[in-house]
C-alpha atoms as a PDB file:
ATOM      1  CA  MET A   1      33.858  12.808 -12.573  1.00  0.00           C
ATOM      2  CA  SER A   2      32.824  13.785  -8.547  1.00  0.00           C
ATOM      3  CA  SER A   3      28.938  13.221  -7.818  1.00  0.00           C
ATOM      4  CA  GLN A   4      27.705  16.379  -6.166  1.00  0.00           C
ATOM      5  CA  LYS A   5      24.503  16.585  -3.734  1.00  0.00           C
ATOM      6  CA  LYS A   6      22.056  18.626  -6.153  1.00  0.00           C
ATOM      7  CA  SER A   7      18.982  20.525  -4.204  1.00  0.00           C
ATOM      8  CA  TYR A   8      15.806  20.969  -6.325  1.00  0.00           C
ATOM      9  CA  SER A   9      13.474  24.016  -5.604  1.00  0.00           C
ATOM     10  CA  ILE A  10      10.128  24.461  -7.528  1.00  0.00           C
ATOM     11  CA  TRP A  11       8.063  27.899  -7.423  1.00  0.00           C
ATOM     12  CA  SER A  12       4.724  28.105  -8.362  1.00  0.00           C
ATOM     13  CA  CYS A  13       3.590  31.792  -8.694  1.00  0.00           C
ATOM     14  CA  THR A  14       0.005  32.764  -8.953  1.00  0.00           C
ATOM     15  CA  ASP A  15       0.927  36.347  -9.729  1.00  0.00           C
ATOM     16  CA  ASP A  16       2.442  37.765 -12.608  1.00  0.00           C
ATOM     17  CA  ASP A  17       2.714  41.724 -11.204  1.00  0.00           C
ATOM     18  CA  ASP A  18       6.331  42.724 -11.912  1.00  0.00           C
ATOM     19  CA  ASP A  19       6.505  44.603  -8.736  1.00  0.00           C
ATOM     20  CA  ASP A  20       9.758  43.713  -7.034  1.00  0.00           C
ATOM     21  CA  ASP A  21       8.290  43.734  -3.606  1.00  0.00           C
ATOM     22  CA  GLU A  22       5.420  41.402  -4.430  1.00  0.00           C
ATOM     23  CA  GLN A  23       7.255  39.615  -6.843  1.00  0.00           C
ATOM     24  CA  HIS A  24       7.165  36.435  -4.695  1.00  0.00           C
ATOM     25  CA  ALA A  25       3.076  37.061  -3.479  1.00  0.00           C
ATOM     26  CA  GLY A  26       0.941  34.224  -4.200  1.00  0.00           C
ATOM     27  CA  CYS A  27       3.736  31.964  -4.488  1.00  0.00           C
ATOM     28  CA  VAL A  28       4.823  28.350  -2.855  1.00  0.00           C
ATOM     29  CA  PHE A  29       7.935  27.284  -2.490  1.00  0.00           C
ATOM     30  CA  CYS A  30       8.899  23.755  -2.442  1.00  0.00           C
ATOM     31  CA  THR A  31      12.443  21.861  -1.713  1.00  0.00           C
ATOM     32  CA  ASP A  32      13.584  18.310  -1.507  1.00  0.00           C
ATOM     33  CA  GLU A  33      14.276  19.085   2.195  1.00  0.00           C
ATOM     34  CA  GLN A  34      13.007  16.999   4.953  1.00  0.00           C
ATOM     35  CA  PRO A  35      11.014  18.551   7.879  1.00  0.00           C
ATOM     36  CA  ARG A  36      12.408  18.149  11.167  1.00  0.00           C
ATOM     37  CA  PRO A  37      10.672  15.166  13.123  1.00  0.00           C
ATOM     38  CA  THR A  38       8.282  15.762  15.620  1.00  0.00           C
ATOM     39  CA  HIS A  39       8.791  14.502  19.588  1.00  0.00           C
ATOM     40  CA  ARG A  40       7.590  10.770  19.813  1.00  0.00           C
ATOM     41  CA  PRO A  41       6.375  10.088  23.156  1.00  0.00           C
ATOM     42  CA  PRO A  42       7.797   7.192  24.400  1.00  0.00           C
ATOM     43  CA  HIS A  43       6.326   3.493  24.093  1.00  0.00           C
ATOM     44  CA  PRO A  44       4.169   2.105  27.134  1.00  0.00           C
ATOM     45  CA  GLY A  45       6.722  -0.941  27.044  1.00  0.00           C
ATOM     46  CA  GLU A  46       9.653   0.946  27.057  1.00  0.00           C
ATOM     47  CA  LEU A  47       8.416   2.761  30.413  1.00  0.00           C
ATOM     48  CA  ARG A  48       7.507  -0.378  31.910  1.00  0.00           C
ATOM     49  CA  ARG A  49      11.272  -1.911  30.956  1.00  0.00           C
ATOM     50  CA  CYS A  50      12.632   1.304  32.656  1.00  0.00           C
ATOM     51  CA  LEU A  51      10.412   0.792  35.678  1.00  0.00           C
ATOM     52  CA  ALA A  52      11.302  -2.896  36.236  1.00  0.00           C
ATOM     53  CA  ASN A  53      15.232  -1.951  35.847  1.00  0.00           C
ATOM     54  CA  THR A  54      14.858   1.343  38.468  1.00  0.00           C
ATOM     55  CA  LEU A  55      12.841  -1.341  41.008  1.00  0.00           C
ATOM     56  CA  CYS A  56      15.621  -4.334  40.477  1.00  0.00           C
ATOM     57  CA  SER A  57      18.308  -1.624  40.941  1.00  0.00           C
ATOM     58  CA  LEU A  58      17.056  -0.445  44.410  1.00  0.00           C
ATOM     59  CA  LEU A  59      16.042  -3.948  45.388  1.00  0.00           C
ATOM     60  CA  LEU A  60      20.056  -5.059  44.869  1.00  0.00           C
ATOM     61  CA  GLY A  61      20.805  -2.025  46.658  1.00  0.00           C
ATOM     62  CA  LEU A  62      18.749  -2.630  49.743  1.00  0.00           C
ATOM     63  CA  LEU A  63      20.364  -6.249  49.617  1.00  0.00           C
ATOM     64  CA  LEU A  64      23.822  -5.425  49.743  1.00  0.00           C
ATOM     65  CA  VAL A  65      23.160  -2.908  52.668  1.00  0.00           C
ATOM     66  CA  ALA A  66      21.424  -5.833  54.727  1.00  0.00           C
ATOM     67  CA  ALA A  67      24.354  -7.761  53.554  1.00  0.00           C
ATOM     68  CA  VAL A  68      26.640  -5.681  55.227  1.00  0.00           C
ATOM     69  CA  ILE A  69      24.721  -4.769  58.510  1.00  0.00           C
ATOM     70  CA  LEU A  70      24.282  -8.521  58.744  1.00  0.00           C
ATOM     71  CA  PHE A  71      28.138  -9.165  58.403  1.00  0.00           C
ATOM     72  CA  VAL A  72      28.415  -6.301  61.031  1.00  0.00           C
ATOM     73  CA  LEU A  73      26.334  -7.830  63.396  1.00  0.00           C
ATOM     74  CA  TRP A  74      27.907 -11.278  62.834  1.00  0.00           C
ATOM     75  CA  LEU A  75      31.186 -10.314  64.029  1.00  0.00           C
ATOM     76  CA  SER A  76      29.867  -8.172  67.053  1.00  0.00           C
ATOM     77  CA  LEU A  77      28.243 -11.023  68.335  1.00  0.00           C
ATOM     78  CA  ARG A  78      29.859 -14.273  67.353  1.00  0.00           C
ATOM     79  CA  PRO A  79      30.679 -16.067  69.957  1.00  0.00           C
ATOM     80  CA  HIS A  80      34.356 -16.494  70.710  1.00  0.00           C
ATOM     81  CA  ARG A  81      35.545 -19.633  73.141  1.00  0.00           C
ATOM     82  CA  PRO A  82      37.164 -19.346  76.200  1.00  0.00           C
ATOM     83  CA  ARG A  83      40.750 -19.503  76.391  1.00  0.00           C
ATOM     84  CA  PHE A  84      42.194 -21.662  79.600  1.00  0.00           C
ATOM     85  CA  ASN A  85      45.810 -21.656  81.157  1.00  0.00           C
ATOM     86  CA  ILE A  86      47.445 -23.996  83.517  1.00  0.00           C
ATOM     87  CA  VAL A  87      48.701 -22.168  86.937  1.00  0.00           C
ATOM     88  CA  SER A  88      49.133 -24.681  89.067  1.00  0.00           C
ATOM     89  CA  PHE A  89      49.837 -28.750  89.534  1.00  0.00           C
ATOM     90  CA  SER A  90      51.228 -30.550  92.053  1.00  0.00           C
ATOM     91  CA  ILE A  91      51.061 -34.546  93.916  1.00  0.00           C
ATOM     92  CA  SER A  92      51.159 -34.441  96.855  1.00  0.00           C
ATOM     93  CA  GLY A  93      54.500 -36.467  98.764  1.00  0.00           C
ATOM     94  CA  GLY A  94      56.542 -35.828  95.345  1.00  0.00           C
ATOM     95  CA  LEU A  95      57.302 -39.041  92.917  1.00  0.00           C
ATOM     96  CA  ASP A  96      59.882 -41.701  93.908  1.00  0.00           C
ATOM     97  CA  PRO A  97      61.564 -43.783  90.714  1.00  0.00           C
ATOM     98  CA  ALA A  98      60.810 -47.131  92.818  1.00  0.00           C
ATOM     99  CA  PHE A  99      57.386 -46.640  93.821  1.00  0.00           C
ATOM    100  CA  SER A 100      53.567 -45.902  92.359  1.00  0.00           C
ATOM    101  CA  PRO A 101      52.330 -42.626  93.248  1.00  0.00           C
ATOM    102  CA  ALA A 102      49.208 -44.521  93.694  1.00  0.00           C
ATOM    103  CA  GLY A 103      47.383 -43.506  96.926  1.00  0.00           C
ATOM    104  CA  ALA A 104      48.654 -39.699  96.441  1.00  0.00           C
ATOM    105  CA  SER A 105      46.483 -36.482  95.771  1.00  0.00           C
ATOM    106  CA  LEU A 106      46.926 -34.371  93.192  1.00  0.00           C
ATOM    107  CA  GLU A 107      45.621 -31.302  93.082  1.00  0.00           C
ATOM    108  CA  PHE A 108      45.829 -28.538  89.990  1.00  0.00           C
ATOM    109  CA  ASN A 109      44.341 -25.131  88.968  1.00  0.00           C
ATOM    110  CA  VAL A 110      43.677 -23.995  85.401  1.00  0.00           C
ATOM    111  CA  THR A 111      41.993 -20.312  84.716  1.00  0.00           C
ATOM    112  CA  ASP A 112      39.627 -19.939  82.417  1.00  0.00           C
ATOM    113  CA  ARG A 113      38.921 -16.596  80.502  1.00  0.00           C
ATOM    114  CA  ASN A 114      35.812 -15.434  78.921  1.00  0.00           C
ATOM    115  CA  PRO A 115      36.748 -12.647  75.909  1.00  0.00           C
ATOM    116  CA  ASN A 116      33.552 -12.325  74.719  1.00  0.00           C
ATOM    117  CA  ARG A 117      32.090  -8.522  75.134  1.00  0.00           C
ATOM    118  CA  HIS A 118      28.637  -9.284  75.040  1.00  0.00           C
ATOM    119  CA  ILE A 119      28.205 -13.109  75.782  1.00  0.00           C
ATOM    120  CA  GLY A 120      27.863 -14.764  78.919  1.00  0.00           C
ATOM    121  CA  ILE A 121      28.764 -18.690  78.971  1.00  0.00           C
ATOM    122  CA  TYR A 122      26.986 -21.570  80.415  1.00  0.00           C
ATOM    123  CA  TYR A 123      28.820 -24.657  81.728  1.00  0.00           C
ATOM    124  CA  ASP A 124      28.040 -28.103  82.951  1.00  0.00           C
ATOM    125  CA  ALA A 125      29.299 -29.948  85.395  1.00  0.00           C
ATOM    126  CA  VAL A 126      33.411 -30.494  84.633  1.00  0.00           C
ATOM    127  CA  HIS A 127      35.171 -33.426  84.576  1.00  0.00           C
ATOM    128  CA  ALA A 128      39.219 -34.198  85.004  1.00  0.00           C
ATOM    129  CA  SER A 129      41.248 -36.833  84.307  1.00  0.00           C
ATOM    130  CA  VAL A 130      45.185 -36.786  84.191  1.00  0.00           C
ATOM    131  CA  HIS A 131      47.173 -39.119  81.573  1.00  0.00           C
ATOM    132  CA  PHE A 132      50.952 -40.340  81.547  1.00  0.00           C
ATOM    133  CA  TYR A 133      50.696 -40.566  77.613  1.00  0.00           C
ATOM    134  CA  ASP A 134      47.886 -43.676  77.642  1.00  0.00           C
ATOM    135  CA  ALA A 135      48.185 -44.179  80.969  1.00  0.00           C
ATOM    136  CA  LEU A 136      45.584 -43.233  83.652  1.00  0.00           C
ATOM    137  CA  VAL A 137      47.147 -41.012  86.551  1.00  0.00           C
ATOM    138  CA  ALA A 138      43.794 -39.811  88.417  1.00  0.00           C
ATOM    139  CA  ALA A 139      40.339 -38.545  87.347  1.00  0.00           C
ATOM    140  CA  GLY A 140      37.072 -37.236  89.063  1.00  0.00           C
ATOM    141  CA  PRO A 141      34.864 -34.264  88.905  1.00  0.00           C
ATOM    142  CA  ALA A 142      36.832 -30.687  89.152  1.00  0.00           C
ATOM    143  CA  PHE A 143      32.779 -28.996  89.218  1.00  0.00           C
ATOM    144  CA  ALA A 144      30.321 -30.747  90.405  1.00  0.00           C
ATOM    145  CA  SER A 145      27.705 -28.470  88.922  1.00  0.00           C
ATOM    146  CA  GLY A 146      27.336 -26.335  86.284  1.00  0.00           C
ATOM    147  CA  TRP A 147      27.752 -22.469  86.612  1.00  0.00           C
ATOM    148  CA  TYR A 148      27.261 -19.374  84.467  1.00  0.00           C
ATOM    149  CA  GLN A 149      30.171 -17.324  83.795  1.00  0.00           C
ATOM    150  CA  PRO A 150      29.947 -13.429  82.657  1.00  0.00           C
ATOM    151  CA  ASN A 151      31.361 -11.781  79.835  1.00  0.00           C
ATOM    152  CA  LYS A 152      35.097 -10.534  80.251  1.00  0.00           C
ATOM    153  CA  THR A 153      35.469 -12.423  83.491  1.00  0.00           C
ATOM    154  CA  THR A 154      37.915 -15.253  84.998  1.00  0.00           C
ATOM    155  CA  THR A 155      37.284 -18.038  86.644  1.00  0.00           C
ATOM    156  CA  SER A 156      39.398 -20.547  88.203  1.00  0.00           C
ATOM    157  CA  ILE A 157      38.809 -24.411  87.921  1.00  0.00           C
ATOM    158  CA  THR A 158      40.503 -26.146  90.508  1.00  0.00           C
ATOM    159  CA  GLY A 159      40.162 -30.031  91.579  1.00  0.00           C
ATOM    160  CA  LEU A 160      41.347 -32.154  94.039  1.00  0.00           C
ATOM    161  CA  LEU A 161      42.119 -36.042  92.545  1.00  0.00           C
ATOM    162  CA  ASP A 162      43.379 -39.300  93.997  1.00  0.00           C
ATOM    163  CA  VAL A 163      46.386 -40.442  91.977  1.00  0.00           C
ATOM    164  CA  ILE A 164      45.474 -44.372  90.894  1.00  0.00           C
ATOM    165  CA  GLY A 165      48.449 -45.115  88.747  1.00  0.00           C
ATOM    166  CA  PRO A 166      50.709 -45.964  86.877  1.00  0.00           C
ATOM    167  CA  ARG A 167      51.549 -48.766  89.004  1.00  0.00           C
ATOM    168  CA  THR A 168      54.777 -51.029  89.205  1.00  0.00           C
ATOM    169  CA  THR A 169      53.058 -53.906  87.368  1.00  0.00           C
ATOM    170  CA  ASP A 170      51.801 -51.492  84.215  1.00  0.00           C
ATOM    171  CA  THR A 171      53.246 -51.387  80.797  1.00  0.00           C
ATOM    172  CA  SER A 172      53.847 -48.214  81.216  1.00  0.00           C
ATOM    173  CA  TRP A 173      55.755 -47.933  84.508  1.00  0.00           C
ATOM    174  CA  LEU A 174      59.591 -48.457  83.190  1.00  0.00           C
ATOM    175  CA  SER A 175      58.905 -45.491  81.109  1.00  0.00           C
ATOM    176  CA  PHE A 176      57.124 -43.477  83.835  1.00  0.00           C
ATOM    177  CA  SER A 177      60.192 -44.590  86.236  1.00  0.00           C
ATOM    178  CA  ALA A 178      62.656 -43.325  83.530  1.00  0.00           C
ATOM    179  CA  ALA A 179      60.956 -40.040  83.521  1.00  0.00           C
ATOM    180  CA  VAL A 180      60.912 -39.185  87.422  1.00  0.00           C
ATOM    181  CA  GLN A 181      64.702 -40.448  87.154  1.00  0.00           C
ATOM    182  CA  ALA A 182      65.296 -37.528  84.560  1.00  0.00           C
ATOM    183  CA  GLY A 183      63.191 -34.688  86.671  1.00  0.00           C
ATOM    184  CA  ARG A 184      60.724 -34.511  83.705  1.00  0.00           C
ATOM    185  CA  VAL A 185      57.451 -36.255  83.932  1.00  0.00           C
ATOM    186  CA  PRO A 186      55.160 -35.242  81.245  1.00  0.00           C
ATOM    187  CA  LEU A 187      51.363 -35.342  81.898  1.00  0.00           C
ATOM    188  CA  ARG A 188      48.385 -34.274  80.110  1.00  0.00           C
ATOM    189  CA  LEU A 189      45.441 -32.984  82.170  1.00  0.00           C
ATOM    190  CA  GLN A 190      42.050 -33.014  80.318  1.00  0.00           C
ATOM    191  CA  LEU A 191      38.722 -30.984  81.093  1.00  0.00           C
ATOM    192  CA  THR A 192      35.670 -32.400  79.756  1.00  0.00           C
ATOM    193  CA  THR A 193      32.384 -30.109  80.196  1.00  0.00           C
ATOM    194  CA  ALA A 194      29.438 -28.721  77.834  1.00  0.00           C
ATOM    195  CA  ILE A 195      28.967 -25.212  76.801  1.00  0.00           C
ATOM    196  CA  ARG A 196      26.072 -22.869  75.825  1.00  0.00           C
ATOM    197  CA  PHE A 197      26.712 -19.361  74.543  1.00  0.00           C
ATOM    198  CA  ARG A 198      24.140 -16.517  76.095  1.00  0.00           C
ATOM    199  CA  VAL A 199      23.742 -13.466  73.814  1.00  0.00           C
ATOM    200  CA  SER A 200      20.600 -12.467  75.427  1.00  0.00           C
ATOM    201  CA  ASN A 201      18.161 -13.308  77.845  1.00  0.00           C
ATOM    202  CA  ALA A 202      16.152 -14.737  75.265  1.00  0.00           C
ATOM    203  CA  LEU A 203      18.899 -16.062  72.701  1.00  0.00           C
ATOM    204  CA  HIS A 204      21.133 -18.902  73.704  1.00  0.00           C
ATOM    205  CA  SER A 205      23.041 -21.217  71.437  1.00  0.00           C
ATOM    206  CA  GLY A 206      22.923 -24.625  71.635  1.00  0.00           C
ATOM    207  CA  ARG A 207      24.919 -27.241  73.866  1.00  0.00           C
ATOM    208  CA  GLN A 208      28.351 -28.148  72.853  1.00  0.00           C
ATOM    209  CA  LYS A 209      30.559 -30.737  74.063  1.00  0.00           C
ATOM    210  CA  MET A 210      33.832 -29.167  75.258  1.00  0.00           C
ATOM    211  CA  HIS A 211      37.429 -30.741  75.452  1.00  0.00           C
ATOM    212  CA  VAL A 212      40.090 -29.089  77.131  1.00  0.00           C
ATOM    213  CA  THR A 213      43.822 -30.380  76.786  1.00  0.00           C
ATOM    214  CA  CYS A 214      46.641 -29.316  78.678  1.00  0.00           C
ATOM    215  CA  ASP A 215      49.977 -30.396  78.406  1.00  0.00           C
ATOM    216  CA  LEU A 216      52.625 -30.443  81.171  1.00  0.00           C
ATOM    217  CA  LEU A 217      55.386 -31.083  82.795  1.00  0.00           C
ATOM    218  CA  ILE A 218      56.221 -31.600  86.913  1.00  0.00           C
ATOM    219  CA  SER A 219      59.442 -32.252  88.831  1.00  0.00           C
ATOM    220  CA  ALA A 220      60.343 -35.367  90.777  1.00  0.00           C
ATOM    221  CA  HIS A 221      59.001 -33.337  93.582  1.00  0.00           C
ATOM    222  CA  GLY A 222      55.553 -33.086  92.531  1.00  0.00           C
ATOM    223  CA  ASN A 223      55.587 -29.545  91.086  1.00  0.00           C
ATOM    224  CA  LEU A 224      55.007 -27.746  88.159  1.00  0.00           C
ATOM    225  CA  LEU A 225      57.764 -26.819  86.040  1.00  0.00           C
ATOM    226  CA  PRO A 226      58.413 -23.105  85.166  1.00  0.00           C
ATOM    227  CA  ASP A 227      58.095 -23.940  81.796  1.00  0.00           C
ATOM    228  CA  SER A 228      54.251 -25.150  81.787  1.00  0.00           C
ATOM    229  CA  VAL A 229      53.337 -22.054  84.311  1.00  0.00           C
ATOM    230  CA  GLY A 230      50.775 -20.105  82.434  1.00  0.00           C
ATOM    231  CA  ALA A 231      50.670 -22.697  79.553  1.00  0.00           C
ATOM    232  CA  ALA A 232      48.048 -22.085  77.473  1.00  0.00           C
ATOM    233  CA  CYS A 233      45.433 -25.107  76.834  1.00  0.00           C
ATOM    234  CA  ASP A 234      44.231 -26.532  73.590  1.00  0.00           C
ATOM    235  CA  ARG A 235      40.308 -26.749  73.676  1.00  0.00           C
ATOM    236  CA  TYR A 236      37.936 -28.297  70.680  1.00  0.00           C
ATOM    237  CA  PHE A 237      34.615 -28.940  70.328  1.00  0.00           C
END
């Protein structure tokens, strides 16, 4: 047999009048149905938890907005390293595979580009050196004193050095003489300085030592080969 949910009602009357209109007068109706629960006000602990969750959400939102703003500022103010290119290079009198170039003069020109939109660069004095592999060819100052380079400008770094080698008695002479005979002499120009980035009048970066390396080829006439004109130089800190 299937069970059915039963509902019970109880009538209690205090008036025995048979009048239909007043049949239920003075009667109390009772049922097993429960009354609807009344609204219960929130507990103070629940209010505190709700308030804490709201404050945490607001704080996390503010932190996210601040992080995005700082990231955008960092991208706009992050200093970019200067770019260097070899423009010209020559050794006076040319090169002879039978004689050392020591005593000749060497001249070079390197462009220095500051690509930053709002950041200037302070330079210390620049020292230059020229090498044939590991052998020193010439060395000396390119800029004897420091200077300031404004944003989005290009500066020419020129140098005039005295050639000191390689000599015919050096271990590198045979390789140097063979390169002169071939008409392609590989040289390496190195510039050494220290720089500081100027973000604003009151904000400067720390001084960083910078090395610039320009690999180049010259002919037996002592001039820069077309392959090396405008070649980019490597720089590292």
